[in-house]
């Protein structure tokens, strides 16, 4: 039997004022949370949360905390 799992992708938009170095720091924050992401320059990244939907709020909170620690950045996310 071939069953396909529907993917759940979280798009995270970083508000970093066009600072490319800060964008790369933000991607490093994501990499520290999970390796299942793909950059969408210049301001976003897609994060595959398919296997972690029950932890969606926690993942978003971790991303937000990590971004908050970087001066001059904020984020918005949706799925």
N, C-alpha and C. Protein backbone atom coordinates (compact mmCIF):
# COMPACT_ATOMS: atom_id res chain seq x y z
N UNK A 1 0.84 -1.16 0.00
CA UNK A 1 0.00 0.00 0.00
C UNK A 1 0.90 1.25 0.00
N UNK A 2 0.58 2.18 -0.84
CA UNK A 2 1.35 3.41 -0.95
C UNK A 2 0.54 4.56 -0.32
N UNK A 3 0.96 4.99 0.83
CA UNK A 3 0.27 6.12 1.46
C UNK A 3 1.19 7.33 1.43
N UNK A 4 0.61 8.46 1.14
CA UNK A 4 1.39 9.69 1.08
C UNK A 4 1.00 10.57 2.26
N UNK A 5 1.99 11.06 2.94
CA UNK A 5 1.76 11.96 4.04
C UNK A 5 1.72 13.38 3.50
N UNK A 6 0.68 14.11 3.87
CA UNK A 6 0.60 15.50 3.46
C UNK A 6 1.62 16.30 4.26
N UNK A 7 2.42 17.08 3.56
CA UNK A 7 3.46 17.87 4.19
C UNK A 7 2.84 19.09 4.87
N UNK A 8 3.40 19.47 6.00
CA UNK A 8 3.01 20.70 6.70
C UNK A 8 4.23 21.60 6.73
N UNK A 9 4.17 22.68 5.99
CA UNK A 9 5.30 23.60 5.85
C UNK A 9 4.95 24.92 6.54
N UNK A 10 5.83 25.34 7.40
CA UNK A 10 5.70 26.61 8.12
C UNK A 10 6.60 27.62 7.42
N UNK A 11 6.04 28.70 6.92
CA UNK A 11 6.87 29.76 6.32
C UNK A 11 7.10 30.82 7.37
N UNK A 12 8.36 31.09 7.61
CA UNK A 12 8.76 32.07 8.61
C UNK A 12 9.33 33.29 7.89
N UNK A 13 8.73 34.44 8.14
CA UNK A 13 9.21 35.69 7.55
C UNK A 13 9.99 36.46 8.61
N UNK A 14 11.22 36.78 8.27
CA UNK A 14 12.07 37.55 9.17
C UNK A 14 12.01 39.02 8.78
N UNK A 15 11.87 39.86 9.76
CA UNK A 15 11.87 41.30 9.56
C UNK A 15 13.20 41.79 10.11
N UNK A 16 14.16 42.00 9.19
CA UNK A 16 15.53 42.28 9.61
C UNK A 16 16.10 43.53 8.97
N UNK A 17 15.25 44.33 8.36
CA UNK A 17 15.71 45.60 7.81
C UNK A 17 16.71 45.48 6.68
N UNK A 18 16.72 44.36 5.98
CA UNK A 18 17.62 44.18 4.85
C UNK A 18 19.05 43.83 5.22
N UNK A 19 19.30 43.53 6.47
CA UNK A 19 20.64 43.20 6.94
C UNK A 19 20.92 41.73 6.61
N UNK A 20 21.75 41.50 5.59
CA UNK A 20 22.02 40.13 5.13
C UNK A 20 22.73 39.29 6.19
N UNK A 21 23.65 39.90 6.94
CA UNK A 21 24.34 39.17 8.01
C UNK A 21 23.35 38.70 9.07
N UNK A 22 22.39 39.56 9.40
CA UNK A 22 21.37 39.20 10.39
C UNK A 22 20.50 38.06 9.85
N UNK A 23 20.18 38.10 8.56
CA UNK A 23 19.40 37.02 7.94
C UNK A 23 20.11 35.68 8.12
N UNK A 24 21.42 35.65 7.90
CA UNK A 24 22.18 34.40 8.05
C UNK A 24 22.23 33.96 9.52
N UNK A 25 22.28 34.90 10.44
CA UNK A 25 22.21 34.57 11.86
C UNK A 25 20.85 33.96 12.20
N UNK A 26 19.79 34.49 11.60
CA UNK A 26 18.45 33.96 11.83
C UNK A 26 18.34 32.53 11.31
N UNK A 27 18.96 32.26 10.17
CA UNK A 27 18.95 30.89 9.64
C UNK A 27 19.73 29.95 10.56
N UNK A 28 20.77 30.44 11.19
CA UNK A 28 21.53 29.65 12.15
C UNK A 28 20.66 29.30 13.35
N UNK A 29 19.81 30.23 13.78
CA UNK A 29 18.86 29.95 14.86
C UNK A 29 17.96 28.79 14.46
N UNK A 30 17.42 28.84 13.24
CA UNK A 30 16.56 27.74 12.76
C UNK A 30 17.31 26.42 12.75
N UNK A 31 18.55 26.44 12.30
CA UNK A 31 19.34 25.22 12.21
C UNK A 31 19.57 24.61 13.59
N UNK A 32 19.63 25.45 14.61
CA UNK A 32 19.79 24.96 15.98
C UNK A 32 18.54 24.30 16.51
N UNK A 33 17.40 24.58 15.90
CA UNK A 33 16.13 24.00 16.33
C UNK A 33 15.85 22.71 15.58
N UNK A 34 16.08 22.72 14.27
CA UNK A 34 15.81 21.55 13.44
C UNK A 34 16.52 21.70 12.09
N UNK A 35 17.03 20.61 11.53
CA UNK A 35 17.68 20.70 10.23
C UNK A 35 16.70 20.70 9.06
N UNK A 36 15.40 20.63 9.32
CA UNK A 36 14.41 20.49 8.26
C UNK A 36 13.85 21.84 7.81
N UNK A 37 14.71 22.68 7.26
CA UNK A 37 14.29 23.99 6.78
C UNK A 37 15.01 24.30 5.48
N UNK A 38 14.47 25.26 4.75
CA UNK A 38 15.07 25.69 3.49
C UNK A 38 14.96 27.20 3.41
N UNK A 39 16.07 27.90 3.16
CA UNK A 39 16.02 29.35 3.07
C UNK A 39 15.20 29.81 1.86
N UNK A 40 14.50 30.92 2.01
CA UNK A 40 13.76 31.56 0.94
C UNK A 40 14.16 33.04 0.94
N UNK A 41 15.39 33.32 0.46
CA UNK A 41 15.91 34.68 0.51
C UNK A 41 14.98 35.67 -0.21
N UNK A 42 14.97 36.91 0.20
CA UNK A 42 15.86 37.51 1.17
C UNK A 42 15.30 37.60 2.58
N UNK A 43 14.03 37.18 2.81
CA UNK A 43 13.46 37.43 4.14
C UNK A 43 12.75 36.25 4.77
N UNK A 44 12.80 35.07 4.19
CA UNK A 44 11.98 33.98 4.72
C UNK A 44 12.73 32.65 4.73
N UNK A 45 12.11 31.69 5.38
CA UNK A 45 12.58 30.30 5.37
C UNK A 45 11.37 29.40 5.51
N UNK A 46 11.39 28.26 4.85
CA UNK A 46 10.33 27.26 4.99
C UNK A 46 10.83 26.18 5.93
N UNK A 47 9.99 25.83 6.90
CA UNK A 47 10.36 24.84 7.91
C UNK A 47 9.37 23.68 7.81
N UNK A 48 9.86 22.48 7.57
CA UNK A 48 9.01 21.30 7.47
C UNK A 48 8.66 20.83 8.88
N UNK A 49 7.40 20.99 9.25
CA UNK A 49 6.94 20.61 10.60
C UNK A 49 6.00 19.40 10.54
N UNK A 50 6.06 18.64 9.45
CA UNK A 50 5.15 17.52 9.24
C UNK A 50 5.14 16.55 10.42
N UNK A 51 6.28 16.17 10.90
CA UNK A 51 6.35 15.20 11.99
C UNK A 51 6.21 15.82 13.36
N UNK A 52 6.01 17.12 13.42
CA UNK A 52 6.00 17.80 14.72
C UNK A 52 4.79 18.72 14.88
N UNK A 53 3.69 18.41 14.21
CA UNK A 53 2.53 19.29 14.29
C UNK A 53 2.01 19.48 15.71
N UNK A 54 2.11 18.45 16.54
CA UNK A 54 1.63 18.61 17.91
C UNK A 54 2.55 19.53 18.71
N UNK A 55 3.74 19.78 18.18
CA UNK A 55 4.69 20.69 18.84
C UNK A 55 4.77 22.04 18.13
N UNK A 56 3.79 22.34 17.27
CA UNK A 56 3.82 23.55 16.46
C UNK A 56 4.04 24.80 17.32
N UNK A 57 3.27 24.97 18.38
CA UNK A 57 3.40 26.15 19.24
C UNK A 57 4.79 26.22 19.87
N UNK A 58 5.30 25.07 20.29
CA UNK A 58 6.64 25.03 20.88
C UNK A 58 7.70 25.43 19.86
N UNK A 59 7.61 24.88 18.63
CA UNK A 59 8.57 25.23 17.58
C UNK A 59 8.53 26.72 17.28
N UNK A 60 7.33 27.27 17.16
CA UNK A 60 7.20 28.69 16.88
C UNK A 60 7.76 29.51 18.04
N UNK A 61 7.52 29.06 19.27
CA UNK A 61 8.06 29.75 20.43
C UNK A 61 9.58 29.72 20.47
N UNK A 62 10.17 28.57 20.12
CA UNK A 62 11.63 28.47 20.08
C UNK A 62 12.21 29.40 19.03
N UNK A 63 11.57 29.44 17.86
CA UNK A 63 12.04 30.35 16.81
C UNK A 63 11.94 31.79 17.29
N UNK A 64 10.82 32.13 17.90
CA UNK A 64 10.62 33.49 18.38
C UNK A 64 11.62 33.88 19.45
N UNK A 65 11.90 32.98 20.38
CA UNK A 65 12.89 33.26 21.43
C UNK A 65 14.27 33.46 20.83
N UNK A 66 14.64 32.62 19.90
CA UNK A 66 15.96 32.75 19.28
C UNK A 66 16.09 34.04 18.51
N UNK A 67 15.03 34.43 17.81
CA UNK A 67 15.07 35.66 17.03
C UNK A 67 15.07 36.88 17.94
N UNK A 68 14.33 36.81 19.04
CA UNK A 68 14.27 37.92 19.98
C UNK A 68 15.66 38.24 20.54
N UNK A 69 16.49 37.23 20.66
CA UNK A 69 17.84 37.45 21.18
C UNK A 69 18.73 38.22 20.21
N UNK A 70 18.34 38.26 18.94
CA UNK A 70 19.12 38.99 17.95
C UNK A 70 18.56 40.41 17.81
N UNK A 71 19.37 41.38 18.10
CA UNK A 71 18.92 42.77 18.05
C UNK A 71 18.57 43.18 16.62
N UNK A 72 17.43 43.80 16.46
CA UNK A 72 17.02 44.31 15.16
C UNK A 72 16.20 43.34 14.33
N UNK A 73 15.74 42.25 14.92
CA UNK A 73 14.98 41.26 14.15
C UNK A 73 13.68 40.91 14.84
N UNK A 74 12.69 40.55 14.05
CA UNK A 74 11.44 39.98 14.55
C UNK A 74 10.97 39.00 13.49
N UNK A 75 9.90 38.26 13.78
CA UNK A 75 9.42 37.30 12.79
C UNK A 75 7.92 37.23 12.79
N UNK A 76 7.41 36.72 11.68
CA UNK A 76 6.00 36.39 11.52
C UNK A 76 5.95 35.02 10.88
N UNK A 77 4.96 34.22 11.24
CA UNK A 77 4.91 32.85 10.70
C UNK A 77 3.47 32.44 10.45
N UNK A 78 3.31 31.50 9.56
CA UNK A 78 2.00 30.94 9.27
C UNK A 78 2.15 29.63 8.56
N UNK A 79 1.09 28.85 8.55
CA UNK A 79 1.14 27.58 7.83
C UNK A 79 -0.05 27.45 6.94
